[in-house]
Every structure is written in C-alpha cells, then in structure tokens.
Amino acid sequence: MMDDGRRKAILLALACLAILILLIIECAIMPRMGWLWIITAALDLVLLAMCVRHIIRGGRR
C-alpha cells in the first residue's frame, strides 16, 4: 500500500503536468510574455522532477 507522502507526490506531479499544459496554451495566446512563461515552466519542471524523485524513491531520504 502506498504511503501518504507518495500519494501526495503523485497528485502534485499531476498538477504540475496540468500547469505545463496551461502554460503552453497561454504562451500560444500571448507570446509577448515569453520570458515569464519560460521562468514559470522552469520552476514547474523543477517541482515536477522533485515529485518524480520522491515517487521513485518511495519517500526514502
């Protein structure tokens, strides 16, 4: 059975993927704000990588 921390990491990873999809759509609508989208996407990818790392390790440090 999954522990609570791993379940939260999976849900947060799914939210990060949804945010990336929305960022791509917003960037297509308003390309003038390119740097804002790039910085936001970079931060979101870092959070997604941390979630995936937590999921793979199973919450171990």
PDB file of N, CA and C in Angstrom:
ATOM      1  N   MET A   1       0.832  -1.184   0.000  1.00  0.00           N
ATOM      2  CA  MET A   1       0.000   0.000   0.000  1.00  0.00           C
ATOM      3  C   MET A   1       0.879   1.250   0.000  1.00  0.00           C
ATOM      4  N   MET A   2       0.438   2.271  -0.749  1.00  0.00           N
ATOM      5  CA  MET A   2       1.227   3.499  -0.841  1.00  0.00           C
ATOM      6  C   MET A   2       1.113   4.306   0.444  1.00  0.00           C
ATOM      7  N   ASP A   3       2.202   4.940   0.788  1.00  0.00           N
ATOM      8  CA  ASP A   3       2.144   5.818   1.941  1.00  0.00           C
ATOM      9  C   ASP A   3       1.542   7.166   1.529  1.00  0.00           C
ATOM     10  N   ASP A   4       1.191   7.969   2.502  1.00  0.00           N
ATOM     11  CA  ASP A   4       0.513   9.234   2.238  1.00  0.00           C
ATOM     12  C   ASP A   4       1.416  10.214   1.495  1.00  0.00           C
ATOM     13  N   GLY A   5       2.701  10.245   1.819  1.00  0.00           N
ATOM     14  CA  GLY A   5       3.622  11.163   1.151  1.00  0.00           C
ATOM     15  C   GLY A   5       3.771  10.862  -0.325  1.00  0.00           C
ATOM     16  N   ARG A   6       3.805   9.588  -0.653  1.00  0.00           N
ATOM     17  CA  ARG A   6       3.929   9.192  -2.055  1.00  0.00           C
ATOM     18  C   ARG A   6       2.659   9.552  -2.827  1.00  0.00           C
ATOM     19  N   ARG A   7       1.517   9.362  -2.218  1.00  0.00           N
ATOM     20  CA  ARG A   7       0.242   9.721  -2.859  1.00  0.00           C
ATOM     21  C   ARG A   7       0.175  11.229  -3.119  1.00  0.00           C
ATOM     22  N   LYS A   8       0.624  12.024  -2.155  1.00  0.00           N
ATOM     23  CA  LYS A   8       0.648  13.476  -2.342  1.00  0.00           C
ATOM     24  C   LYS A   8       1.599  13.866  -3.468  1.00  0.00           C
ATOM     25  N   ALA A   9       2.738  13.182  -3.560  1.00  0.00           N
ATOM     26  CA  ALA A   9       3.690  13.474  -4.626  1.00  0.00           C
ATOM     27  C   ALA A   9       3.104  13.162  -5.998  1.00  0.00           C
ATOM     28  N   ILE A  10       2.338  12.087  -6.091  1.00  0.00           N
ATOM     29  CA  ILE A  10       1.695  11.734  -7.364  1.00  0.00           C
ATOM     30  C   ILE A  10       0.668  12.794  -7.751  1.00  0.00           C
ATOM     31  N   LEU A  11      -0.133  13.224  -6.804  1.00  0.00           N
ATOM     32  CA  LEU A  11      -1.132  14.259  -7.093  1.00  0.00           C
ATOM     33  C   LEU A  11      -0.469  15.577  -7.473  1.00  0.00           C
ATOM     34  N   LEU A  12       0.607  15.928  -6.800  1.00  0.00           N
ATOM     35  CA  LEU A  12       1.328  17.163  -7.123  1.00  0.00           C
ATOM     36  C   LEU A  12       1.975  17.067  -8.504  1.00  0.00           C
ATOM     37  N   ALA A  13       2.480  15.895  -8.868  1.00  0.00           N
ATOM     38  CA  ALA A  13       3.057  15.699 -10.197  1.00  0.00           C
ATOM     39  C   ALA A  13       1.992  15.863 -11.276  1.00  0.00           C
ATOM     40  N   LEU A  14       0.805  15.348 -11.033  1.00  0.00           N
ATOM     41  CA  LEU A  14      -0.294  15.519 -11.997  1.00  0.00           C
ATOM     42  C   LEU A  14      -0.683  16.989 -12.130  1.00  0.00           C
ATOM     43  N   ALA A  15      -0.679  17.702 -11.015  1.00  0.00           N
ATOM     44  CA  ALA A  15      -0.973  19.132 -11.059  1.00  0.00           C
ATOM     45  C   ALA A  15       0.102  19.883 -11.843  1.00  0.00           C
ATOM     46  N   CYS A  16       1.354  19.487 -11.682  1.00  0.00           N
ATOM     47  CA  CYS A  16       2.446  20.117 -12.430  1.00  0.00           C
ATOM     48  C   CYS A  16       2.280  19.900 -13.927  1.00  0.00           C
ATOM     49  N   LEU A  17       1.876  18.701 -14.314  1.00  0.00           N
ATOM     50  CA  LEU A  17       1.640  18.433 -15.735  1.00  0.00           C
ATOM     51  C   LEU A  17       0.504  19.290 -16.276  1.00  0.00           C
ATOM     52  N   ALA A  18      -0.542  19.456 -15.482  1.00  0.00           N
ATOM     53  CA  ALA A  18      -1.659  20.312 -15.904  1.00  0.00           C
ATOM     54  C   ALA A  18      -1.200  21.759 -16.058  1.00  0.00           C
ATOM     55  N   ILE A  19      -0.359  22.215 -15.152  1.00  0.00           N
ATOM     56  CA  ILE A  19       0.166  23.580 -15.237  1.00  0.00           C
ATOM     57  C   ILE A  19       1.007  23.751 -16.495  1.00  0.00           C
ATOM     58  N   LEU A  20       1.825  22.768 -16.837  1.00  0.00           N
ATOM     59  CA  LEU A  20       2.630  22.848 -18.056  1.00  0.00           C
ATOM     60  C   LEU A  20       1.754  22.932 -19.304  1.00  0.00           C
ATOM     61  N   ILE A  21       0.677  22.176 -19.328  1.00  0.00           N
ATOM     62  CA  ILE A  21      -0.241  22.233 -20.470  1.00  0.00           C
ATOM     63  C   ILE A  21      -0.869  23.623 -20.575  1.00  0.00           C
ATOM     64  N   LEU A  22      -1.288  24.168 -19.452  1.00  0.00           N
ATOM     65  CA  LEU A  22      -1.865  25.517 -19.455  1.00  0.00           C
ATOM     66  C   LEU A  22      -0.839  26.565 -19.866  1.00  0.00           C
ATOM     67  N   LEU A  23       0.412  26.398 -19.450  1.00  0.00           N
ATOM     68  CA  LEU A  23       1.464  27.338 -19.846  1.00  0.00           C
ATOM     69  C   LEU A  23       1.683  27.321 -21.355  1.00  0.00           C
ATOM     70  N   ILE A  24       1.634  26.144 -21.950  1.00  0.00           N
ATOM     71  CA  ILE A  24       1.803  26.051 -23.405  1.00  0.00           C
ATOM     72  C   ILE A  24       0.669  26.770 -24.118  1.00  0.00           C
ATOM     73  N   ILE A  25      -0.545  26.596 -23.632  1.00  0.00           N
ATOM     74  CA  ILE A  25      -1.701  27.279 -24.231  1.00  0.00           C
ATOM     75  C   ILE A  25      -1.596  28.792 -24.058  1.00  0.00           C
ATOM     76  N   GLU A  26      -1.232  29.230 -22.857  1.00  0.00           N
ATOM     77  CA  GLU A  26      -1.107  30.668 -22.611  1.00  0.00           C
ATOM     78  C   GLU A  26       0.011  31.285 -23.442  1.00  0.00           C
ATOM     79  N   CYS A  27       1.100  30.549 -23.617  1.00  0.00           N
ATOM     80  CA  CYS A  27       2.209  31.049 -24.421  1.00  0.00           C
ATOM     81  C   CYS A  27       1.791  31.203 -25.875  1.00  0.00           C
ATOM     82  N   ALA A  28       0.947  30.305 -26.352  1.00  0.00           N
ATOM     83  CA  ALA A  28       0.463  30.416 -27.725  1.00  0.00           C
ATOM     84  C   ALA A  28      -0.469  31.620 -27.886  1.00  0.00           C
ATOM     85  N   ILE A  29      -1.219  31.936 -26.827  1.00  0.00           N
ATOM     86  CA  ILE A  29      -2.159  33.055 -26.892  1.00  0.00           C
ATOM     87  C   ILE A  29      -1.430  34.391 -26.746  1.00  0.00           C
ATOM     88  N   MET A  30      -0.484  34.460 -25.795  1.00  0.00           N
ATOM     89  CA  MET A  30       0.231  35.708 -25.533  1.00  0.00           C
ATOM     90  C   MET A  30       1.745  35.484 -25.605  1.00  0.00           C
ATOM     91  N   PRO A  31       2.299  35.385 -26.811  1.00  0.00           N
ATOM     92  CA  PRO A  31       3.729  35.081 -26.935  1.00  0.00           C
ATOM     93  C   PRO A  31       4.650  36.218 -26.499  1.00  0.00           C
ATOM     94  N   ARG A  32       4.139  37.422 -26.347  1.00  0.00           N
ATOM     95  CA  ARG A  32       4.984  38.555 -25.934  1.00  0.00           C
ATOM     96  C   ARG A  32       5.565  38.376 -24.545  1.00  0.00           C
ATOM     97  N   MET A  33       4.914  37.581 -23.723  1.00  0.00           N
ATOM     98  CA  MET A  33       5.373  37.369 -22.355  1.00  0.00           C
ATOM     99  C   MET A  33       6.238  36.118 -22.263  1.00  0.00           C
ATOM    100  N   GLY A  34       7.045  35.881 -23.279  1.00  0.00           N
ATOM    101  CA  GLY A  34       7.833  34.665 -23.388  1.00  0.00           C
ATOM    102  C   GLY A  34       8.723  34.373 -22.189  1.00  0.00           C
ATOM    103  N   TRP A  35       9.423  35.390 -21.677  1.00  0.00           N
ATOM    104  CA  TRP A  35      10.320  35.153 -20.531  1.00  0.00           C
ATOM    105  C   TRP A  35       9.551  34.718 -19.298  1.00  0.00           C
ATOM    106  N   LEU A  36       8.381  35.273 -19.084  1.00  0.00           N
ATOM    107  CA  LEU A  36       7.563  34.876 -17.943  1.00  0.00           C
ATOM    108  C   LEU A  36       7.164  33.411 -18.056  1.00  0.00           C
ATOM    109  N   TRP A  37       6.786  32.984 -19.262  1.00  0.00           N
ATOM    110  CA  TRP A  37       6.391  31.593 -19.459  1.00  0.00           C
ATOM    111  C   TRP A  37       7.583  30.659 -19.274  1.00  0.00           C
ATOM    112  N   ILE A  38       8.755  31.075 -19.754  1.00  0.00           N
ATOM    113  CA  ILE A  38       9.947  30.233 -19.628  1.00  0.00           C
ATOM    114  C   ILE A  38      10.341  30.065 -18.165  1.00  0.00           C
ATOM    115  N   ILE A  39      10.325  31.146 -17.405  1.00  0.00           N
ATOM    116  CA  ILE A  39      10.690  31.074 -15.991  1.00  0.00           C
ATOM    117  C   ILE A  39       9.681  30.234 -15.213  1.00  0.00           C
ATOM    118  N   THR A  40       8.405  30.448 -15.477  1.00  0.00           N
ATOM    119  CA  THR A  40       7.364  29.679 -14.791  1.00  0.00           C
ATOM    120  C   THR A  40       7.464  28.195 -15.142  1.00  0.00           C
ATOM    121  N   ALA A  41       7.704  27.895 -16.406  1.00  0.00           N
ATOM    122  CA  ALA A  41       7.832  26.495 -16.823  1.00  0.00           C
ATOM    123  C   ALA A  41       9.063  25.851 -16.183  1.00  0.00           C
ATOM    124  N   ALA A  42      10.159  26.598 -16.068  1.00  0.00           N
ATOM    125  CA  ALA A  42      11.364  26.051 -15.445  1.00  0.00           C
ATOM    126  C   ALA A  42      11.116  25.710 -13.980  1.00  0.00           C
ATOM    127  N   LEU A  43      10.449  26.596 -13.271  1.00  0.00           N
ATOM    128  CA  LEU A  43      10.125  26.332 -11.866  1.00  0.00           C
ATOM    129  C   LEU A  43       9.193  25.132 -11.737  1.00  0.00           C
ATOM    130  N   ASP A  44       8.241  25.048 -12.632  1.00  0.00           N
ATOM    131  CA  ASP A  44       7.300  23.927 -12.601  1.00  0.00           C
ATOM    132  C   ASP A  44       8.004  22.603 -12.907  1.00  0.00           C
ATOM    133  N   LEU A  45       8.956  22.620 -13.834  1.00  0.00           N
ATOM    134  CA  LEU A  45       9.699  21.404 -14.157  1.00  0.00           C
ATOM    135  C   LEU A  45      10.575  20.952 -12.985  1.00  0.00           C
ATOM    136  N   VAL A  46      11.124  21.912 -12.242  1.00  0.00           N
ATOM    137  CA  VAL A  46      11.913  21.552 -11.056  1.00  0.00           C
ATOM    138  C   VAL A  46      11.015  20.872 -10.025  1.00  0.00           C
ATOM    139  N   LEU A  47       9.838  21.433  -9.801  1.00  0.00           N
ATOM    140  CA  LEU A  47       8.899  20.825  -8.860  1.00  0.00           C
ATOM    141  C   LEU A  47       8.462  19.444  -9.335  1.00  0.00           C
ATOM    142  N   LEU A  48       8.214  19.299 -10.631  1.00  0.00           N
ATOM    143  CA  LEU A  48       7.834  18.000 -11.187  1.00  0.00           C
ATOM    144  C   LEU A  48       8.954  16.980 -11.005  1.00  0.00           C
ATOM    145  N   ALA A  49      10.190  17.390 -11.222  1.00  0.00           N
ATOM    146  CA  ALA A  49      11.324  16.480 -11.046  1.00  0.00           C
ATOM    147  C   ALA A  49      11.453  16.034  -9.588  1.00  0.00           C
ATOM    148  N   MET A  50      11.225  16.953  -8.660  1.00  0.00           N
ATOM    149  CA  MET A  50      11.284  16.596  -7.243  1.00  0.00           C
ATOM    150  C   MET A  50      10.184  15.600  -6.887  1.00  0.00           C
ATOM    151  N   CYS A  51       8.996  15.776  -7.455  1.00  0.00           N
ATOM    152  CA  CYS A  51       7.889  14.850  -7.204  1.00  0.00           C
ATOM    153  C   CYS A  51       8.210  13.471  -7.748  1.00  0.00           C
ATOM    154  N   VAL A  52       8.733  13.414  -8.961  1.00  0.00           N
ATOM    155  CA  VAL A  52       9.068  12.129  -9.568  1.00  0.00           C
ATOM    156  C   VAL A  52      10.160  11.437  -8.753  1.00  0.00           C
ATOM    157  N   ARG A  53      11.139  12.197  -8.306  1.00  0.00           N
ATOM    158  CA  ARG A  53      12.204  11.626  -7.468  1.00  0.00           C
ATOM    159  C   ARG A  53      11.632  11.035  -6.178  1.00  0.00           C
ATOM    160  N   HIS A  54      10.687  11.743  -5.572  1.00  0.00           N
ATOM    161  CA  HIS A  54      10.054  11.270  -4.342  1.00  0.00           C
ATOM    162  C   HIS A  54       9.228   9.998  -4.606  1.00  0.00           C
ATOM    163  N   ILE A  55       8.540   9.971  -5.741  1.00  0.00           N
ATOM    164  CA  ILE A  55       7.723   8.811  -6.095  1.00  0.00           C
ATOM    165  C   ILE A  55       8.616   7.587  -6.317  1.00  0.00           C
ATOM    166  N   ILE A  56       9.709   7.773  -7.051  1.00  0.00           N
ATOM    167  CA  ILE A  56      10.597   6.657  -7.354  1.00  0.00           C
ATOM    168  C   ILE A  56      11.271   6.123  -6.110  1.00  0.00           C
ATOM    169  N   ARG A  57      11.719   7.009  -5.257  1.00  0.00           N
ATOM    170  CA  ARG A  57      12.407   6.584  -4.043  1.00  0.00           C
ATOM    171  C   ARG A  57      11.431   6.060  -2.988  1.00  0.00           C
ATOM    172  N   GLY A  58      10.175   6.310  -3.159  1.00  0.00           N
ATOM    173  CA  GLY A  58       9.189   5.827  -2.207  1.00  0.00           C
ATOM    174  C   GLY A  58       9.193   6.572  -0.883  1.00  0.00           C
ATOM    175  N   GLY A  59       9.613   7.818  -0.904  1.00  0.00           N
ATOM    176  CA  GLY A  59       9.608   8.621   0.312  1.00  0.00           C
ATOM    177  C   GLY A  59      10.835   8.484   1.160  1.00  0.00           C
ATOM    178  N   ARG A  60      11.785   7.633   0.731  1.00  0.00           N
ATOM    179  CA  ARG A  60      13.026   7.480   1.498  1.00  0.00           C
ATOM    180  C   ARG A  60      13.931   8.668   1.263  1.00  0.00           C
ATOM    181  N   ARG A  61      14.747   8.984   2.227  1.00  0.00           N
ATOM    182  CA  ARG A  61      15.676  10.102   2.095  1.00  0.00           C
ATOM    183  C   ARG A  61      17.025   9.646   1.655  1.00  0.00           C
TER     184      ARG A  61
END
